[in-house]
């Protein structure tokens, strides 16, 4: 198949009404069209994944299923359902699921020689069940020392990351979080207010930027950080690529911290927002993503099985 024969869906969340997301979706669609790929933006809320008599079906306002999906959302069940229909999904539902949770990410990378901050997984509680005895968290504070970092397992833009200075502040934060999943990590003082975002596509570093903030311990641009183009060292590039490989991410935005003895893995984003790094470096990651997908798909054609499973509204 020629690129012009491919039709893709770019799946986005139907409930996010923020300009950043709509602009990003259009940015990615334009990249597909530059590659001569017919691309359709489609909201997750416009699709109805169904299992009927043990068979996966899909309802929606479409004529046929796409040859592949670029999944720019975190609706894991929808992504997995599209895979059950035989559609190649980038990134895979498994990769999105692992990267979406900071706890799952760190555990998945364990045992592979990936340097990362010392991380503790706090005891779980159920919704509505308050942690009355806080001895476990006092012990965690003693183990890590202060200051330390509390990170909600699910969060974006650094908004669910807290720098904790004292035991009282830790216990107050834990009570506020309630049953939300989170991890607790040592604070990397050497990297305070600065980190590196490395964008990896198909086992290659495509672009990188260094982010820094003079006002905040987080370097995220949405928290007031600034960015500059960055050329990663060989060690940093290899670390970012290795993390993406282990997690099964075809493309990823890998965030690294500056450790005193070398780079440390901070987190891996399966759906990194490409506009900031484009504005910083002038490199369009979406172009490389579609180049990679076309190479992966090769000359294969869409499965006839997919067409048989679509159901029109």
Protein backbone atom coordinates (compact mmCIF):
# COMPACT_ATOMS: atom_id res chain seq x y z
CA UNK A 1 0.00 0.00 0.00
CA UNK A 2 1.13 3.54 -0.76
CA UNK A 3 0.80 6.13 2.04
CA UNK A 4 -2.14 7.60 0.16
CA UNK A 5 -3.97 4.28 0.55
CA UNK A 6 -3.85 4.44 4.35
CA UNK A 7 -6.65 5.85 6.46
CA UNK A 8 -6.02 6.52 10.14
CA UNK A 9 -8.03 7.68 13.09
CA UNK A 10 -6.50 10.15 15.54
CA UNK A 11 -8.42 9.39 18.74
CA UNK A 12 -8.75 12.23 21.26
CA UNK A 13 -10.77 12.67 24.43
CA UNK A 14 -14.26 14.01 23.82
CA UNK A 15 -14.52 15.75 27.18
CA UNK A 16 -11.37 17.85 27.11
CA UNK A 17 -12.27 21.31 25.88
CA UNK A 18 -8.85 22.88 26.36
CA UNK A 19 -7.20 24.71 23.45
CA UNK A 20 -3.96 22.81 23.99
CA UNK A 21 -5.61 19.53 23.11
CA UNK A 22 -7.56 20.72 20.09
CA UNK A 23 -4.49 22.48 18.74
CA UNK A 24 -2.42 19.35 19.30
CA UNK A 25 -4.95 17.18 17.48
CA UNK A 26 -4.93 19.48 14.46
CA UNK A 27 -1.12 19.62 14.58
CA UNK A 28 -0.96 15.83 14.38
CA UNK A 29 -3.61 15.64 11.65
CA UNK A 30 -1.61 18.06 9.51
CA UNK A 31 1.46 15.85 9.95
CA UNK A 32 -0.49 12.83 8.71
CA UNK A 33 -1.72 14.72 5.69
CA UNK A 34 1.83 15.81 4.86
CA UNK A 35 2.61 12.11 4.63
CA UNK A 36 -0.33 11.67 2.25
CA UNK A 37 -2.30 9.73 4.88
CA UNK A 38 -6.04 10.30 5.09
CA UNK A 39 -6.59 11.19 8.75
CA UNK A 40 -9.81 11.57 10.70
CA UNK A 41 -10.02 13.16 14.14
CA UNK A 42 -12.42 11.13 16.24
CA UNK A 43 -13.51 11.58 19.86
CA UNK A 44 -13.59 8.63 22.21
CA UNK A 45 -17.11 9.72 23.13
CA UNK A 46 -18.19 9.18 19.50
CA UNK A 47 -17.31 5.49 19.62
CA UNK A 48 -19.24 2.73 21.38
CA UNK A 49 -17.16 -0.38 22.05
CA UNK A 50 -19.42 -3.41 22.52
CA UNK A 51 -18.93 -7.08 23.30
CA UNK A 52 -21.93 -9.04 22.10
CA UNK A 53 -22.06 -12.84 22.25
CA UNK A 54 -18.35 -12.76 22.98
CA UNK A 55 -17.52 -10.80 19.81
CA UNK A 56 -16.03 -7.27 19.81
CA UNK A 57 -18.10 -4.76 17.87
CA UNK A 58 -17.92 -1.00 17.41
CA UNK A 59 -20.67 1.50 16.81
CA UNK A 60 -20.08 5.01 15.56
CA UNK A 61 -20.62 7.50 12.76
CA UNK A 62 -18.07 6.04 10.36
CA UNK A 63 -18.19 4.06 7.14
CA UNK A 64 -15.31 1.71 7.77
CA UNK A 65 -12.60 1.02 10.29
CA UNK A 66 -9.19 2.63 9.82
CA UNK A 67 -5.97 0.92 8.81
CA UNK A 68 -4.40 2.13 12.05
CA UNK A 69 -5.11 4.37 15.02
CA UNK A 70 -2.92 7.02 16.59
CA UNK A 71 -4.32 6.96 20.10
CA UNK A 72 -3.84 10.35 21.76
CA UNK A 73 -6.06 9.58 24.75
CA UNK A 74 -5.88 7.44 27.89
CA UNK A 75 -9.14 5.55 27.40
CA UNK A 76 -7.46 2.18 27.93
CA UNK A 77 -10.59 0.10 27.39
CA UNK A 78 -11.31 1.74 24.04
CA UNK A 79 -7.71 1.30 22.90
CA UNK A 80 -7.78 -2.37 23.86
CA UNK A 81 -11.13 -2.82 22.11
CA UNK A 82 -9.73 -1.39 18.88
CA UNK A 83 -6.88 -3.88 19.15
CA UNK A 84 -9.41 -6.68 19.60
CA UNK A 85 -10.91 -5.58 16.29
CA UNK A 86 -7.53 -6.21 14.67
CA UNK A 87 -6.56 -2.55 14.27
CA UNK A 88 -2.92 -1.55 14.91
CA UNK A 89 -2.95 1.01 17.72
CA UNK A 90 -0.03 3.36 18.45
CA UNK A 91 0.90 3.39 21.27
CA UNK A 92 -0.51 0.05 22.33
CA UNK A 93 -3.11 -0.08 25.09
CA UNK A 94 -0.59 -1.90 27.30
CA UNK A 95 2.05 0.82 26.87
CA UNK A 96 -0.47 3.60 27.51
CA UNK A 97 -1.74 1.83 30.63
CA UNK A 98 1.74 1.39 32.13
CA UNK A 99 2.91 4.91 31.30
CA UNK A 100 -0.30 6.45 32.62
CA UNK A 101 0.52 5.24 36.12
CA UNK A 102 3.76 6.44 37.68
CA UNK A 103 3.59 3.47 40.05
CA UNK A 104 3.24 0.96 37.20
CA UNK A 105 6.00 2.69 35.23
CA UNK A 106 8.56 2.44 38.01
CA UNK A 107 7.71 -1.17 38.78
CA UNK A 108 7.83 -2.16 35.10
CA UNK A 109 11.32 -0.64 34.81
CA UNK A 110 12.57 -2.40 37.93
CA UNK A 111 15.19 -5.07 37.37
CA UNK A 112 16.44 -3.60 34.09
CA UNK A 113 19.25 -1.47 35.46
CA UNK A 114 17.30 1.78 35.04
CA UNK A 115 18.57 4.47 37.44
CA UNK A 116 15.70 6.21 39.20
CA UNK A 117 15.01 7.98 42.49
CA UNK A 118 14.50 5.79 45.52
CA UNK A 119 10.79 5.00 45.43
CA UNK A 120 8.41 3.65 48.06
CA UNK A 121 4.94 2.26 47.40
CA UNK A 122 2.69 3.24 50.33
CA UNK A 123 0.04 0.92 51.79
CA UNK A 124 -3.24 0.90 49.87
CA UNK A 125 -6.57 1.86 51.36
CA UNK A 126 -10.12 1.61 50.03
CA UNK A 127 -12.32 4.54 49.08
CA UNK A 128 -13.99 5.92 52.18
CA UNK A 129 -11.62 4.08 54.52
CA UNK A 130 -9.39 6.60 56.31
CA UNK A 131 -5.84 5.72 57.28
CA UNK A 132 -6.12 6.02 61.04
CA UNK A 133 -2.72 4.62 61.95
CA UNK A 134 -0.02 6.66 60.21
CA UNK A 135 2.97 4.73 61.54
CA UNK A 136 3.78 3.38 58.07
CA UNK A 137 4.14 6.92 56.70
CA UNK A 138 6.26 8.04 59.64
CA UNK A 139 8.57 5.13 58.82
CA UNK A 140 8.59 6.10 55.12
CA UNK A 141 9.58 9.64 56.05
CA UNK A 142 12.41 8.31 58.22
CA UNK A 143 13.54 6.03 55.39
CA UNK A 144 13.70 8.76 52.74
CA UNK A 145 14.45 11.81 54.87
CA UNK A 146 13.10 15.30 54.22
CA UNK A 147 12.39 16.96 51.92
CA UNK A 148 10.73 14.18 49.91
CA UNK A 149 8.35 13.95 46.97
CA UNK A 150 4.77 12.66 46.90
CA UNK A 151 3.45 11.90 43.42
CA UNK A 152 -0.07 10.90 42.58
CA UNK A 153 0.10 7.86 40.32
CA UNK A 154 -2.15 9.54 37.77
CA UNK A 155 -1.44 13.14 36.86
CA UNK A 156 -0.16 15.48 34.16
CA UNK A 157 1.87 18.68 33.86
CA UNK A 158 3.42 18.19 37.32
CA UNK A 159 0.21 19.36 38.98
CA UNK A 160 -0.12 16.27 41.19
CA UNK A 161 3.46 16.33 42.51
CA UNK A 162 4.16 17.68 46.00
CA UNK A 163 7.42 18.69 47.69
CA UNK A 164 7.10 17.72 51.35
CA UNK A 165 9.33 19.41 53.92
CA UNK A 166 8.24 17.90 57.25
CA UNK A 167 6.56 14.88 58.80
CA UNK A 168 3.46 16.92 59.67
CA UNK A 169 3.20 18.09 56.06
CA UNK A 170 3.54 14.50 54.84
CA UNK A 171 0.75 13.22 57.08
CA UNK A 172 -1.52 16.11 56.11
CA UNK A 173 -0.92 15.43 52.40
CA UNK A 174 -1.62 11.70 52.84
CA UNK A 175 -4.92 12.44 54.56
CA UNK A 176 -5.87 14.87 51.79
CA UNK A 177 -5.11 12.31 49.06
CA UNK A 178 -7.32 9.73 50.72
CA UNK A 179 -7.58 6.56 48.62
CA UNK A 180 -5.91 8.04 45.51
CA UNK A 181 -2.93 5.93 44.41
CA UNK A 182 0.46 7.62 44.82
CA UNK A 183 4.15 6.94 45.29
CA UNK A 184 6.71 8.56 47.59
CA UNK A 185 10.23 9.32 46.38
CA UNK A 186 13.48 10.83 47.52
CA UNK A 187 13.93 14.44 46.44
CA UNK A 188 16.75 14.88 43.92
CA UNK A 189 18.13 18.20 45.12
CA UNK A 190 20.69 18.29 42.31
CA UNK A 191 17.83 18.48 39.79
CA UNK A 192 15.66 21.00 41.64
CA UNK A 193 13.74 23.09 39.10
CA UNK A 194 15.31 21.41 36.05
CA UNK A 195 14.91 18.29 33.96
CA UNK A 196 15.21 16.97 30.41
CA UNK A 197 12.42 15.91 28.08
CA UNK A 198 13.68 13.43 25.48
CA UNK A 199 11.29 12.44 22.68
CA UNK A 200 11.89 8.92 21.40
CA UNK A 201 10.34 7.45 18.26
CA UNK A 202 11.11 3.91 17.14
CA UNK A 203 14.26 3.52 19.24
CA UNK A 204 15.67 6.86 18.12
CA UNK A 205 15.92 10.21 19.90
CA UNK A 206 14.21 12.76 17.67
CA UNK A 207 14.41 15.88 19.83
CA UNK A 208 15.13 16.99 23.37
CA UNK A 209 14.79 20.07 25.50
CA UNK A 210 15.97 21.11 28.93
CA UNK A 211 13.34 22.67 31.16
CA UNK A 212 14.12 24.87 34.12
CA UNK A 213 12.30 26.99 36.66
CA UNK A 214 13.63 29.58 39.08
CA UNK A 215 10.38 29.68 41.08
CA UNK A 216 9.34 26.03 41.43
CA UNK A 217 10.93 22.68 42.25
CA UNK A 218 9.14 21.36 39.15
CA UNK A 219 10.48 22.25 35.72
CA UNK A 220 7.17 21.74 33.89
CA UNK A 221 6.36 24.60 31.53
CA UNK A 222 2.78 24.67 32.80
CA UNK A 223 4.25 25.35 36.26
CA UNK A 224 6.16 28.36 34.95
CA UNK A 225 9.24 26.61 33.61
CA UNK A 226 11.22 27.70 30.56
CA UNK A 227 12.66 25.43 27.86
CA UNK A 228 15.71 25.45 25.63
CA UNK A 229 16.85 23.01 22.92
CA UNK A 230 19.10 20.33 24.35
CA UNK A 231 21.49 17.75 22.93
CA UNK A 232 21.38 14.72 25.25
CA UNK A 233 24.54 12.92 26.17
CA UNK A 234 25.01 9.37 24.94
CA UNK A 235 24.09 8.10 28.41
CA UNK A 236 20.91 10.20 28.52
CA UNK A 237 19.85 9.16 25.02
CA UNK A 238 20.45 5.47 25.72
CA UNK A 239 18.51 5.68 28.99
CA UNK A 240 15.50 7.30 27.29
CA UNK A 241 15.49 4.75 24.46
CA UNK A 242 15.87 1.83 26.85
CA UNK A 243 12.93 3.00 28.96
CA UNK A 244 10.68 3.25 25.90
CA UNK A 245 11.79 -0.21 24.76
CA UNK A 246 11.09 -1.86 28.12
CA UNK A 247 7.64 -0.28 28.32
CA UNK A 248 6.79 -1.21 24.74
CA UNK A 249 6.21 2.41 23.71
CA UNK A 250 6.69 3.06 19.98
CA UNK A 251 7.08 6.73 20.86
CA UNK A 252 7.40 8.48 24.19
CA UNK A 253 8.38 11.65 25.95
CA UNK A 254 10.90 10.50 28.55
CA UNK A 255 11.64 12.86 31.43
CA UNK A 256 15.07 12.60 33.03
CA UNK A 257 16.44 14.19 36.18
CA UNK A 258 20.00 15.38 36.77
CA UNK A 259 21.43 12.98 39.34
CA UNK A 260 24.79 13.66 40.93
CA UNK A 261 26.17 10.48 39.36
CA UNK A 262 24.27 10.64 36.07
CA UNK A 263 20.74 10.85 34.66
CA UNK A 264 17.77 9.39 36.53
CA UNK A 265 14.43 8.33 35.08
CA UNK A 266 11.63 10.60 36.26
CA UNK A 267 8.67 9.40 34.16
CA UNK A 268 7.64 8.23 30.72
CA UNK A 269 4.78 9.89 28.82
CA UNK A 270 3.10 7.76 26.17
CA UNK A 271 1.10 10.75 24.91
CA UNK A 272 3.49 13.64 25.27
CA UNK A 273 2.28 17.03 24.09
CA UNK A 274 4.28 17.78 21.00
CA UNK A 275 3.61 21.50 20.61
CA UNK A 276 5.98 22.65 23.37
CA UNK A 277 8.96 20.77 22.01
CA UNK A 278 8.12 21.92 18.47
CA UNK A 279 8.02 25.54 19.61
CA UNK A 280 11.28 25.03 21.48
CA UNK A 281 13.30 23.06 18.91
CA UNK A 282 11.46 23.48 15.60
CA UNK A 283 11.35 19.68 15.30
CA UNK A 284 7.97 18.14 14.52
CA UNK A 285 7.82 14.82 16.36
CA UNK A 286 4.52 13.94 14.67
CA UNK A 287 6.28 13.71 11.29
CA UNK A 288 8.65 11.09 12.71
CA UNK A 289 5.77 9.24 14.34
CA UNK A 290 3.97 8.78 11.03
CA UNK A 291 7.21 7.84 9.26
CA UNK A 292 7.69 5.14 11.89
CA UNK A 293 4.11 3.86 11.63
CA UNK A 294 4.26 3.66 7.83
CA UNK A 295 7.51 1.73 8.08
CA UNK A 296 5.98 -0.65 10.63
CA UNK A 297 2.89 -1.26 8.55
CA UNK A 298 5.01 -1.85 5.46
CA UNK A 299 3.03 -3.00 2.47
CA UNK A 300 0.35 -4.80 4.46
CA UNK A 301 -3.30 -4.02 3.85
CA UNK A 302 -6.18 -3.52 6.22
CA UNK A 303 -7.72 -6.75 7.43
CA UNK A 304 -11.05 -7.79 5.92
CA UNK A 305 -11.93 -9.00 9.41
CA UNK A 306 -12.06 -5.39 10.65
CA UNK A 307 -14.73 -4.39 8.13
CA UNK A 308 -16.92 -7.33 9.11
CA UNK A 309 -17.00 -6.16 12.72
CA UNK A 310 -18.06 -2.54 12.27
CA UNK A 311 -21.62 -1.55 13.11
CA UNK A 312 -23.11 1.77 11.96
CA UNK A 313 -25.29 3.81 14.27
